[in-house]
């Protein structure tokens, strides 16, 4: 995260628009439904934790990149 300040504007725009991979999103949804219906195995719990950590990381990178772009004078309202 600390390295984001060294990115140029184009790189920050790319970081601010990062998304969780669709397959990760789909897998997480599937694990959520399974957890509600029947519970998860330990390996599925670990997988869900990893997917959630990855999604959190994407969200934090996006937020920091958006903040930096705003500080650089860009209109980031649509992000």
Protein backbone atom coordinates (compact mmCIF):
# COMPACT_ATOMS: atom_id res chain seq x y z
CA UNK A 1 0.00 0.00 0.00
CA UNK A 2 2.79 2.42 0.84
CA UNK A 3 4.14 2.00 -2.68
CA UNK A 4 1.03 3.52 -4.25
CA UNK A 5 2.36 7.04 -3.69
CA UNK A 6 5.10 6.29 -6.22
CA UNK A 7 2.70 5.35 -9.02
CA UNK A 8 2.07 7.76 -11.86
CA UNK A 9 -1.45 9.02 -12.52
CA UNK A 10 -2.30 6.37 -15.13
CA UNK A 11 -1.18 3.60 -12.81
CA UNK A 12 -3.24 5.08 -9.98
CA UNK A 13 -6.32 5.23 -12.21
CA UNK A 14 -5.82 1.55 -13.02
CA UNK A 15 -5.45 0.72 -9.32
CA UNK A 16 -8.53 2.76 -8.44
CA UNK A 17 -10.57 0.73 -10.93
CA UNK A 18 -9.37 -2.72 -9.83
CA UNK A 19 -12.04 -5.36 -9.41
CA UNK A 20 -12.19 -8.73 -7.75
CA UNK A 21 -11.89 -11.44 -10.38
CA UNK A 22 -15.35 -12.68 -11.42
CA UNK A 23 -14.40 -16.29 -10.66
CA UNK A 24 -13.36 -15.29 -7.13
CA UNK A 25 -16.66 -13.47 -6.68
CA UNK A 26 -18.63 -16.47 -7.91
CA UNK A 27 -16.70 -18.87 -5.69
CA UNK A 28 -17.25 -16.68 -2.64
CA UNK A 29 -20.99 -16.54 -3.35
CA UNK A 30 -21.06 -20.31 -3.68
CA UNK A 31 -19.25 -20.72 -0.35
CA UNK A 32 -21.65 -18.29 1.34
CA UNK A 33 -24.67 -20.24 0.11
CA UNK A 34 -23.09 -23.54 1.13
CA UNK A 35 -22.24 -22.20 4.57
CA UNK A 36 -25.85 -21.14 5.08
CA UNK A 37 -27.26 -24.44 3.81
CA UNK A 38 -24.95 -27.05 5.30
CA UNK A 39 -21.77 -25.51 6.66
CA UNK A 40 -18.23 -25.50 5.30
CA UNK A 41 -15.35 -27.89 5.67
CA UNK A 42 -12.14 -26.55 7.20
CA UNK A 43 -10.54 -26.26 3.77
CA UNK A 44 -13.57 -24.37 2.48
CA UNK A 45 -13.40 -22.06 5.49
CA UNK A 46 -9.73 -21.40 4.69
CA UNK A 47 -10.60 -20.75 1.06
CA UNK A 48 -13.35 -18.33 2.05
CA UNK A 49 -10.94 -16.52 4.34
CA UNK A 50 -8.37 -16.18 1.52
CA UNK A 51 -11.01 -14.91 -0.89
CA UNK A 52 -12.24 -12.37 1.66
CA UNK A 53 -8.69 -11.18 2.34
CA UNK A 54 -8.12 -10.77 -1.39
CA UNK A 55 -11.34 -8.77 -1.77
CA UNK A 56 -10.38 -6.61 1.22
CA UNK A 57 -6.98 -5.96 -0.36
CA UNK A 58 -8.60 -4.85 -3.62
CA UNK A 59 -10.93 -2.54 -1.72
CA UNK A 60 -8.06 -1.00 0.25
CA UNK A 61 -5.93 -0.46 -2.87
CA UNK A 62 -8.88 1.16 -4.64
CA UNK A 63 -9.58 3.43 -1.69
CA UNK A 64 -5.96 4.52 -1.33
CA UNK A 65 -5.53 5.08 -5.07
CA UNK A 66 -8.74 7.11 -5.17
CA UNK A 67 -7.55 9.22 -2.24
CA UNK A 68 -4.21 9.87 -3.91
CA UNK A 69 -5.87 10.84 -7.18
CA UNK A 70 -8.12 13.25 -5.30
CA UNK A 71 -5.09 14.76 -3.60
CA UNK A 72 -3.53 15.21 -7.03
CA UNK A 73 -6.51 17.27 -8.08
CA UNK A 74 -8.56 14.74 -10.04
CA UNK A 75 -12.32 14.44 -9.83
CA UNK A 76 -12.85 10.98 -8.38
CA UNK A 77 -16.57 11.26 -7.68
CA UNK A 78 -17.41 8.56 -10.25
CA UNK A 79 -15.06 5.99 -8.78
